[in-house]
């Protein structure tokens, strides 16, 4: 738009640089969105795995083991 008003070589060069800056900004934003999506899916997957482990540990802790009584250790 600047080049259409001023009609000089310098205005054309600046206009090209502005367009390139916006293109680079758009590509950066797209890469950030893709990275954010991958991170979200990784966090969901990891949380599900930790939830499974926590449930298994809770089950194991709630089960009583039949066996002989041991003497307490210590005083």
N, C-alpha and C. Protein backbone atom coordinates (compact mmCIF):
# COMPACT_ATOMS: atom_id res chain seq x y z
N UNK A 1 0.82 -1.19 0.00
CA UNK A 1 0.00 0.00 0.00
C UNK A 1 0.87 1.25 0.00
N UNK A 2 1.97 1.17 0.70
CA UNK A 2 2.87 2.31 0.72
C UNK A 2 3.43 2.58 -0.68
N UNK A 3 3.71 1.51 -1.41
CA UNK A 3 4.28 1.67 -2.75
C UNK A 3 3.27 2.28 -3.71
N UNK A 4 1.98 2.00 -3.51
CA UNK A 4 0.99 2.57 -4.42
C UNK A 4 0.79 4.07 -4.16
N UNK A 5 1.10 4.53 -2.96
CA UNK A 5 0.94 5.96 -2.65
C UNK A 5 2.19 6.74 -3.05
N UNK A 6 3.35 6.24 -2.64
CA UNK A 6 4.59 6.99 -2.87
C UNK A 6 5.20 6.73 -4.25
N UNK A 7 5.03 5.57 -4.80
CA UNK A 7 5.54 5.19 -6.12
C UNK A 7 7.05 5.42 -6.27
N UNK A 8 7.78 4.97 -5.27
CA UNK A 8 9.24 5.06 -5.36
C UNK A 8 9.84 3.67 -5.13
N UNK A 9 11.11 3.52 -5.51
CA UNK A 9 11.78 2.23 -5.32
C UNK A 9 11.91 1.89 -3.84
N UNK A 10 12.20 2.87 -3.04
CA UNK A 10 12.34 2.64 -1.59
C UNK A 10 11.00 2.19 -0.99
N UNK A 11 9.90 2.80 -1.41
CA UNK A 11 8.59 2.41 -0.90
C UNK A 11 8.25 0.98 -1.31
N UNK A 12 8.61 0.61 -2.53
CA UNK A 12 8.37 -0.76 -2.99
C UNK A 12 9.17 -1.76 -2.16
N UNK A 13 10.45 -1.45 -1.89
CA UNK A 13 11.29 -2.34 -1.09
C UNK A 13 10.75 -2.49 0.33
N UNK A 14 10.31 -1.39 0.93
CA UNK A 14 9.77 -1.45 2.29
C UNK A 14 8.48 -2.25 2.31
N UNK A 15 7.65 -2.07 1.30
CA UNK A 15 6.40 -2.81 1.21
C UNK A 15 6.67 -4.32 1.11
N UNK A 16 7.66 -4.71 0.34
CA UNK A 16 8.04 -6.12 0.21
C UNK A 16 8.53 -6.66 1.55
N UNK A 17 9.32 -5.88 2.27
CA UNK A 17 9.83 -6.31 3.58
C UNK A 17 8.69 -6.47 4.59
N UNK A 18 7.70 -5.60 4.53
CA UNK A 18 6.55 -5.71 5.44
C UNK A 18 5.78 -7.00 5.16
N UNK A 19 5.55 -7.29 3.89
CA UNK A 19 4.83 -8.52 3.53
C UNK A 19 5.63 -9.74 3.97
N UNK A 20 6.93 -9.73 3.78
CA UNK A 20 7.76 -10.86 4.21
C UNK A 20 7.72 -11.03 5.72
N UNK A 21 7.70 -9.92 6.46
CA UNK A 21 7.62 -10.01 7.92
C UNK A 21 6.30 -10.65 8.36
N UNK A 22 5.21 -10.28 7.71
CA UNK A 22 3.93 -10.89 8.07
C UNK A 22 3.88 -12.36 7.70
N UNK A 23 4.49 -12.74 6.60
CA UNK A 23 4.55 -14.15 6.21
C UNK A 23 5.36 -14.94 7.24
N UNK A 24 6.49 -14.40 7.66
CA UNK A 24 7.31 -15.08 8.68
C UNK A 24 6.55 -15.20 9.99
N UNK A 25 5.83 -14.16 10.36
CA UNK A 25 5.04 -14.19 11.59
C UNK A 25 3.95 -15.25 11.52
N UNK A 26 3.29 -15.37 10.37
CA UNK A 26 2.25 -16.38 10.18
C UNK A 26 2.84 -17.78 10.27
N UNK A 27 4.01 -18.00 9.66
CA UNK A 27 4.64 -19.32 9.72
C UNK A 27 5.06 -19.66 11.15
N UNK A 28 5.55 -18.69 11.89
CA UNK A 28 5.93 -18.90 13.29
C UNK A 28 4.70 -19.27 14.12
N UNK A 29 3.61 -18.55 13.91
CA UNK A 29 2.38 -18.83 14.66
C UNK A 29 1.86 -20.22 14.34
N UNK A 30 1.94 -20.63 13.09
CA UNK A 30 1.48 -21.96 12.70
C UNK A 30 2.34 -23.03 13.38
N UNK A 31 3.66 -22.83 13.39
CA UNK A 31 4.56 -23.78 14.05
C UNK A 31 4.29 -23.86 15.54
N UNK A 32 3.98 -22.74 16.16
CA UNK A 32 3.69 -22.71 17.59
C UNK A 32 2.39 -23.46 17.88
N UNK A 33 1.39 -23.28 17.04
CA UNK A 33 0.11 -23.97 17.23
C UNK A 33 0.30 -25.48 17.08
N UNK A 34 1.10 -25.90 16.11
CA UNK A 34 1.35 -27.33 15.91
C UNK A 34 2.10 -27.91 17.11
N UNK A 35 3.09 -27.19 17.60
CA UNK A 35 3.84 -27.64 18.77
C UNK A 35 2.94 -27.72 20.00
N UNK A 36 2.07 -26.75 20.16
CA UNK A 36 1.15 -26.74 21.29
C UNK A 36 0.20 -27.94 21.22
N UNK A 37 -0.27 -28.28 20.03
CA UNK A 37 -1.16 -29.42 19.86
C UNK A 37 -0.44 -30.72 20.21
N UNK A 38 0.81 -30.86 19.77
CA UNK A 38 1.57 -32.07 20.08
C UNK A 38 1.82 -32.18 21.58
N UNK A 39 2.11 -31.07 22.22
CA UNK A 39 2.35 -31.06 23.67
C UNK A 39 1.08 -31.44 24.43
N UNK A 40 -0.06 -30.94 24.00
CA UNK A 40 -1.33 -31.29 24.65
C UNK A 40 -1.60 -32.79 24.54
N UNK A 41 -1.41 -33.36 23.36
CA UNK A 41 -1.67 -34.80 23.19
C UNK A 41 -0.69 -35.62 24.02
N UNK A 42 0.56 -35.17 24.12
CA UNK A 42 1.55 -35.87 24.95
C UNK A 42 1.15 -35.83 26.42
N UNK A 43 0.69 -34.66 26.87
CA UNK A 43 0.28 -34.52 28.28
C UNK A 43 -0.92 -35.41 28.59
N UNK A 44 -1.88 -35.49 27.68
CA UNK A 44 -3.06 -36.34 27.91
C UNK A 44 -2.65 -37.80 27.98
N UNK A 45 -1.77 -38.21 27.05
CA UNK A 45 -1.31 -39.60 27.04
C UNK A 45 -0.55 -39.94 28.31
N UNK A 46 0.32 -39.04 28.73
CA UNK A 46 1.12 -39.27 29.93
C UNK A 46 0.24 -39.31 31.17
N UNK A 47 -0.73 -38.41 31.26
CA UNK A 47 -1.63 -38.41 32.41
C UNK A 47 -2.43 -39.70 32.49
N UNK A 48 -2.84 -40.23 31.35
CA UNK A 48 -3.57 -41.50 31.35
C UNK A 48 -2.69 -42.63 31.85
N UNK A 49 -1.42 -42.63 31.46
CA UNK A 49 -0.50 -43.67 31.90
C UNK A 49 -0.26 -43.57 33.41
N UNK A 50 -0.07 -42.35 33.91
CA UNK A 50 0.13 -42.18 35.35
C UNK A 50 -1.13 -42.56 36.12
N UNK A 51 -2.29 -42.31 35.55
CA UNK A 51 -3.54 -42.69 36.20
C UNK A 51 -3.63 -44.21 36.31
N UNK A 52 -3.24 -44.93 35.26
CA UNK A 52 -3.24 -46.39 35.31
C UNK A 52 -2.29 -46.91 36.38
N UNK A 53 -1.11 -46.32 36.46
CA UNK A 53 -0.13 -46.73 37.47
C UNK A 53 -0.66 -46.46 38.86
N UNK A 54 -1.26 -45.28 39.06
CA UNK A 54 -1.80 -44.93 40.37
C UNK A 54 -2.91 -45.90 40.78
N UNK A 55 -3.78 -46.27 39.85
CA UNK A 55 -4.84 -47.21 40.16
C UNK A 55 -4.27 -48.58 40.53
N UNK A 56 -3.26 -49.03 39.81
CA UNK A 56 -2.65 -50.33 40.11
C UNK A 56 -2.00 -50.31 41.49
N UNK A 57 -1.32 -49.23 41.82
CA UNK A 57 -0.68 -49.13 43.14
C UNK A 57 -1.72 -49.07 44.25
N UNK A 58 -2.81 -48.37 44.00
CA UNK A 58 -3.88 -48.29 45.00
C UNK A 58 -4.50 -49.66 45.24
N UNK A 59 -4.72 -50.42 44.17
CA UNK A 59 -5.24 -51.78 44.31
C UNK A 59 -4.29 -52.65 45.10
N UNK A 60 -3.01 -52.57 44.78
CA UNK A 60 -2.03 -53.40 45.48
C UNK A 60 -1.95 -53.03 46.95
N UNK A 61 -2.06 -51.75 47.26
CA UNK A 61 -1.98 -51.31 48.66
C UNK A 61 -3.22 -51.72 49.44
N UNK A 62 -4.36 -51.81 48.78
CA UNK A 62 -5.59 -52.15 49.49
C UNK A 62 -5.72 -53.65 49.75
N UNK A 63 -5.00 -54.46 49.02
CA UNK A 63 -5.07 -55.90 49.22
C UNK A 63 -4.24 -56.29 50.45
N UNK A 64 -4.84 -57.11 51.31
CA UNK A 64 -4.10 -57.58 52.48
C UNK A 64 -3.45 -58.91 52.14
N UNK A 65 -2.23 -59.05 52.57
CA UNK A 65 -1.50 -60.28 52.29
C UNK A 65 -1.70 -61.26 53.46
N UNK A 66 -2.20 -62.43 53.16
CA UNK A 66 -2.28 -63.43 54.24
C UNK A 66 -0.88 -63.97 54.52
N UNK A 67 -0.58 -64.11 55.77
CA UNK A 67 0.73 -64.61 56.13
C UNK A 67 0.96 -64.46 57.61
N UNK A 68 2.12 -64.85 58.03
CA UNK A 68 2.40 -64.78 59.46
C UNK A 68 2.73 -63.35 59.87
N UNK A 69 2.48 -63.06 61.12
CA UNK A 69 2.76 -61.75 61.67
C UNK A 69 4.27 -61.61 61.91
N UNK A 70 4.81 -60.50 61.60
CA UNK A 70 6.22 -60.26 61.84
C UNK A 70 6.42 -59.44 63.10
N UNK A 71 7.55 -59.64 63.71
CA UNK A 71 7.88 -58.82 64.86
C UNK A 71 8.18 -57.40 64.40
N UNK A 72 7.70 -56.43 65.14
CA UNK A 72 8.01 -55.04 64.77
C UNK A 72 9.51 -54.79 64.87
N UNK A 73 10.01 -53.98 63.98
CA UNK A 73 11.43 -53.64 63.98
C UNK A 73 11.59 -52.36 64.79
N UNK A 74 12.60 -52.31 65.60
CA UNK A 74 12.87 -51.11 66.38
C UNK A 74 12.55 -51.30 67.85
N UNK A 75 12.47 -50.22 68.56
CA UNK A 75 12.25 -50.29 70.01
C UNK A 75 10.79 -50.32 70.34
